[in-house]
Amino acid sequence: MENSLSVWSLIADASLVVKAIMAILVALSVASWMVIIQRGIALRRATLESENFEENFWSGLDLRQVYADGAERLADGKPLLGLESVFRAGFKEFNRLRKKESYSHQMTTEGIQRAMRISISHEMASLEKHLPFLASVASVSPYIGLLGTVWGIMNSFMGLASVHQATLAIVAPGIAEALIATAMGLVAAIPAVIAFNRYASDVDTLLNTYSTFADEFSAVLSHSVPSK
């Protein structure tokens, strides 16, 4: 309890500049935790939806029925995400090109692949949303905390100019006050670093899944197009 009170008293006695830096670090920490929780839920949901769709897709369902089911959910205002969005983009392009009189096997295959690549790009933008913010917090927070420490130590030594004899009891509180800023910077940065690395790995895994599915689905559709 005494340590807690001493820490709070050091924060309360800090200079205005150091307090402002601490407030910035607290705001960054709170914002990064909000992003960490939101991205964790979103990526977990995307992973589960992709696993469920891939399992249902390869179970032998009719492609037209899968497409129709997705259309019904879109009509109900439910967005299609992940693999289902990639599938819908490819199958929609397949149906559009097949209706053309001048379509060819190569043109249809290239069109399907292009449509699915665009869909994967949209999914990638959605999956990576707010991750740059976590990377920024992870890289900038320690430096912001260090700035507060340097400023606090500078003020502490400047205060010694009016003291005839400097002792540890006089210097220690000012240095301890300054080091709190560095500690707060690390507290903000460490969770952001861990979350960013984990989520970046999850995004890469999902994108590899999407790309593999797109290649396999493109091969399935290409077999349905007669060569011309």
Protein backbone atom coordinates (compact mmCIF):
# COMPACT_ATOMS: atom_id res chain seq x y z
CA MET A 1 0.00 0.00 0.00
CA GLU A 2 2.86 2.37 0.86
CA ASN A 3 4.59 1.68 -2.45
CA SER A 4 1.35 2.41 -4.27
CA LEU A 5 0.90 5.68 -2.39
CA SER A 6 4.51 6.67 -3.02
CA VAL A 7 4.12 6.05 -6.75
CA TRP A 8 0.94 8.12 -6.90
CA SER A 9 2.60 10.89 -4.91
CA LEU A 10 5.52 10.92 -7.34
CA ILE A 11 3.11 11.21 -10.25
CA ALA A 12 1.20 13.99 -8.48
CA ASP A 13 4.41 15.90 -7.79
CA ALA A 14 5.72 15.56 -11.37
CA SER A 15 6.15 18.62 -13.53
CA LEU A 16 3.42 19.71 -15.92
CA VAL A 17 5.35 18.46 -18.96
CA VAL A 18 5.94 15.03 -17.43
CA LYS A 19 2.27 14.80 -16.40
CA ALA A 20 1.24 15.63 -19.97
CA ILE A 21 3.54 12.90 -21.31
CA MET A 22 2.10 10.41 -18.81
CA ALA A 23 -1.43 11.36 -19.86
CA ILE A 24 -0.51 10.74 -23.51
CA LEU A 25 0.90 7.32 -22.61
CA VAL A 26 -2.22 6.40 -20.66
CA ALA A 27 -4.40 7.42 -23.61
CA LEU A 28 -2.25 5.38 -26.02
CA SER A 29 -2.40 2.37 -23.72
CA VAL A 30 -6.20 2.53 -23.39
CA ALA A 31 -6.63 2.99 -27.15
CA SER A 32 -4.27 0.11 -27.95
CA TRP A 33 -6.13 -2.23 -25.59
CA MET A 34 -9.40 -1.33 -27.29
CA VAL A 35 -7.84 -2.17 -30.66
CA ILE A 36 -6.32 -5.38 -29.28
CA ILE A 37 -9.69 -6.62 -28.03
CA GLN A 38 -11.58 -5.55 -31.17
CA ARG A 39 -9.03 -7.07 -33.57
CA GLY A 40 -8.83 -10.26 -31.54
CA ILE A 41 -12.59 -10.76 -31.79
CA ALA A 42 -12.64 -9.88 -35.51
CA LEU A 43 -9.78 -12.20 -36.45
CA ARG A 44 -11.18 -15.04 -34.37
CA ARG A 45 -14.53 -14.61 -36.10
CA ALA A 46 -12.90 -14.52 -39.55
CA THR A 47 -10.97 -17.71 -38.79
CA LEU A 48 -14.07 -19.59 -37.60
CA GLU A 49 -16.18 -18.42 -40.55
CA SER A 50 -13.50 -19.43 -43.04
CA GLU A 51 -13.11 -22.87 -41.44
CA ASN A 52 -16.88 -23.45 -41.45
CA PHE A 53 -17.33 -22.28 -45.04
CA GLU A 54 -14.42 -24.34 -46.35
CA GLU A 55 -15.74 -27.42 -44.57
CA ASN A 56 -19.23 -26.93 -46.04
CA PHE A 57 -17.91 -26.06 -49.49
CA TRP A 58 -15.83 -29.20 -49.89
CA SER A 59 -18.60 -31.40 -48.50
CA GLY A 60 -20.13 -31.59 -51.99
CA LEU A 61 -22.75 -28.84 -51.88
CA ASP A 62 -24.08 -27.51 -55.17
CA LEU A 63 -22.25 -24.29 -56.07
CA ARG A 64 -25.43 -22.59 -57.26
CA GLN A 65 -27.08 -23.34 -53.93
CA VAL A 66 -24.11 -21.96 -51.99
CA TYR A 67 -24.27 -18.80 -54.11
CA ALA A 68 -28.03 -18.51 -53.60
CA ASP A 69 -27.68 -18.92 -49.83
CA GLY A 70 -25.17 -16.08 -49.79
CA ALA A 71 -27.50 -13.90 -51.83
CA GLU A 72 -30.26 -14.47 -49.28
CA ARG A 73 -28.01 -13.40 -46.42
CA LEU A 74 -26.97 -10.30 -48.36
CA ALA A 75 -30.63 -9.47 -48.91
CA ASP A 76 -31.13 -9.73 -45.14
CA GLY A 77 -28.34 -7.19 -44.58
CA LYS A 78 -25.74 -9.71 -43.38
CA PRO A 79 -22.26 -9.10 -44.84
CA LEU A 80 -20.31 -11.95 -46.41
CA LEU A 81 -16.75 -12.21 -45.15
CA GLY A 82 -13.65 -14.26 -45.77
CA LEU A 83 -13.78 -17.28 -48.02
CA GLU A 84 -17.45 -16.84 -48.82
CA SER A 85 -16.75 -13.37 -50.17
CA VAL A 86 -13.90 -14.76 -52.31
CA PHE A 87 -16.13 -17.59 -53.54
CA ARG A 88 -18.95 -15.22 -54.41
CA ALA A 89 -16.64 -12.93 -56.39
CA GLY A 90 -15.26 -15.83 -58.42
CA PHE A 91 -18.59 -17.54 -59.07
CA LYS A 92 -20.29 -14.26 -60.00
CA GLU A 93 -17.58 -13.52 -62.55
CA PHE A 94 -17.80 -17.09 -63.85
CA ASN A 95 -21.56 -16.72 -64.48
CA ARG A 96 -21.11 -13.31 -66.10
CA LEU A 97 -18.39 -14.41 -68.51
CA ARG A 98 -20.16 -17.65 -69.40
CA LYS A 99 -23.14 -15.68 -70.72
CA LYS A 100 -20.94 -13.95 -73.29
CA GLU A 101 -20.98 -15.45 -76.75
CA SER A 102 -17.31 -14.69 -77.33
CA TYR A 103 -15.98 -16.11 -74.07
CA SER A 104 -13.02 -18.45 -74.12
CA HIS A 105 -11.51 -20.82 -71.60
CA GLN A 106 -8.48 -18.60 -71.01
CA MET A 107 -10.51 -15.40 -70.76
CA THR A 108 -12.92 -16.97 -68.28
CA THR A 109 -10.15 -18.42 -66.13
CA GLU A 110 -8.25 -15.13 -66.03
CA GLY A 111 -11.44 -13.22 -65.22
CA ILE A 112 -12.28 -15.55 -62.33
CA GLN A 113 -8.77 -15.28 -60.90
CA ARG A 114 -8.78 -11.50 -61.23
CA ALA A 115 -12.15 -11.18 -59.47
CA MET A 116 -10.99 -13.35 -56.58
CA ARG A 117 -7.69 -11.46 -56.25
CA ILE A 118 -9.64 -8.22 -55.91
CA SER A 119 -11.87 -9.79 -53.28
CA ILE A 120 -8.82 -11.06 -51.37
CA SER A 121 -7.36 -7.53 -51.47
CA HIS A 122 -10.55 -6.16 -49.89
CA GLU A 123 -10.45 -8.87 -47.25
CA MET A 124 -6.80 -8.11 -46.52
CA ALA A 125 -7.61 -4.42 -45.96
CA SER A 126 -10.36 -5.43 -43.56
CA LEU A 127 -8.17 -7.90 -41.65
CA GLU A 128 -5.28 -5.44 -41.30
CA LYS A 129 -7.51 -2.62 -40.08
CA HIS A 130 -5.95 -0.76 -37.09
CA LEU A 131 -2.85 -2.99 -37.05
CA PRO A 132 -0.63 -0.05 -38.12
CA PHE A 133 -1.88 1.79 -35.02
CA LEU A 134 -0.63 -1.04 -32.80
CA ALA A 135 2.72 -0.96 -34.59
CA SER A 136 2.94 2.81 -34.02
CA VAL A 137 2.12 2.50 -30.32
CA ALA A 138 4.69 -0.29 -29.95
CA SER A 139 7.46 1.74 -31.55
CA VAL A 140 6.67 5.25 -30.29
CA SER A 141 5.58 4.71 -26.66
CA PRO A 142 9.06 3.89 -25.27
CA TYR A 143 10.46 7.05 -26.84
CA ILE A 144 7.64 9.18 -25.44
CA GLY A 145 8.30 7.68 -22.02
CA LEU A 146 12.03 8.31 -22.44
CA LEU A 147 11.30 11.93 -23.28
CA GLY A 148 9.43 12.27 -20.00
CA THR A 149 12.33 10.65 -18.14
CA VAL A 150 14.92 12.93 -19.71
CA TRP A 151 12.80 15.98 -18.98
CA GLY A 152 12.24 14.91 -15.36
CA ILE A 153 15.92 14.15 -14.74
CA MET A 154 16.87 17.47 -16.31
CA ASN A 155 14.54 19.31 -13.95
CA SER A 156 15.86 17.27 -11.03
CA PHE A 157 19.47 18.25 -11.72
CA MET A 158 18.53 21.85 -12.37
CA GLY A 159 16.94 21.89 -8.89
CA LEU A 160 20.28 20.83 -7.39
CA ALA A 161 21.79 24.14 -8.44
CA SER A 162 20.23 25.81 -5.41
CA VAL A 163 21.40 23.07 -3.02
CA HIS A 164 24.82 23.35 -1.39
CA GLN A 165 25.21 19.62 -0.80
CA ALA A 166 23.54 17.02 -3.02
CA THR A 167 22.58 13.81 -1.29
CA LEU A 168 20.81 10.65 -2.45
CA ALA A 169 17.74 11.62 -0.45
CA ILE A 170 17.48 14.84 -2.44
CA VAL A 171 18.20 13.37 -5.90
CA ALA A 172 16.31 10.06 -5.63
CA PRO A 173 12.71 11.37 -5.62
CA GLY A 174 13.26 13.41 -8.79
CA ILE A 175 14.90 10.51 -10.62
CA ALA A 176 12.22 8.05 -9.46
CA GLU A 177 9.54 10.47 -10.66
CA ALA A 178 11.23 10.70 -14.05
CA LEU A 179 11.64 6.93 -14.44
CA ILE A 180 7.90 6.39 -14.01
CA ALA A 181 7.41 7.89 -17.49
CA THR A 182 9.70 5.26 -19.01
CA ALA A 183 7.86 2.50 -17.14
CA MET A 184 4.53 3.77 -18.44
CA GLY A 185 5.94 3.85 -21.97
CA LEU A 186 6.95 0.21 -21.69
CA VAL A 187 3.58 -0.74 -20.21
CA ALA A 188 1.91 0.79 -23.29
CA ALA A 189 4.38 -0.69 -25.79
CA ILE A 190 4.77 -4.31 -24.66
CA PRO A 191 1.12 -5.44 -25.11
CA ALA A 192 1.00 -3.61 -28.47
CA VAL A 193 4.13 -5.43 -29.68
CA ILE A 194 2.81 -8.85 -28.62
CA ALA A 195 -0.64 -8.24 -30.12
CA PHE A 196 0.74 -6.85 -33.39
CA ASN A 197 3.04 -9.83 -33.94
CA ARG A 198 0.28 -12.30 -33.11
CA TYR A 199 -2.35 -10.62 -35.27
CA ALA A 200 0.04 -10.11 -38.19
CA SER A 201 0.73 -13.85 -38.11
CA ASP A 202 -3.02 -14.60 -37.99
CA VAL A 203 -3.63 -12.29 -40.96
CA ASP A 204 -0.90 -14.02 -42.99
CA THR A 205 -2.43 -17.41 -42.18
CA LEU A 206 -5.88 -16.26 -43.29
CA LEU A 207 -4.56 -14.70 -46.49
CA ASN A 208 -2.72 -17.92 -47.35
CA THR A 209 -5.97 -19.80 -46.78
CA TYR A 210 -7.84 -17.39 -49.07
CA SER A 211 -5.19 -17.62 -51.79
CA THR A 212 -5.12 -21.43 -51.65
CA PHE A 213 -8.90 -21.60 -51.84
CA ALA A 214 -8.94 -19.16 -54.77
CA ASP A 215 -6.45 -21.32 -56.70
CA GLU A 216 -8.42 -24.50 -55.99
CA PHE A 217 -11.78 -22.94 -56.79
CA SER A 218 -10.41 -21.42 -59.99
CA ALA A 219 -9.27 -24.88 -61.06
CA VAL A 220 -12.72 -26.31 -60.30
CA LEU A 221 -14.46 -23.64 -62.37
CA SER A 222 -11.97 -23.88 -65.23
CA HIS A 223 -12.92 -27.54 -65.70
CA SER A 224 -16.52 -26.40 -66.22
CA VAL A 225 -15.55 -24.16 -69.13
CA PRO A 226 -15.24 -25.84 -72.52
CA SER A 227 -12.05 -25.05 -74.38
CA LYS A 228 -12.41 -22.82 -77.41
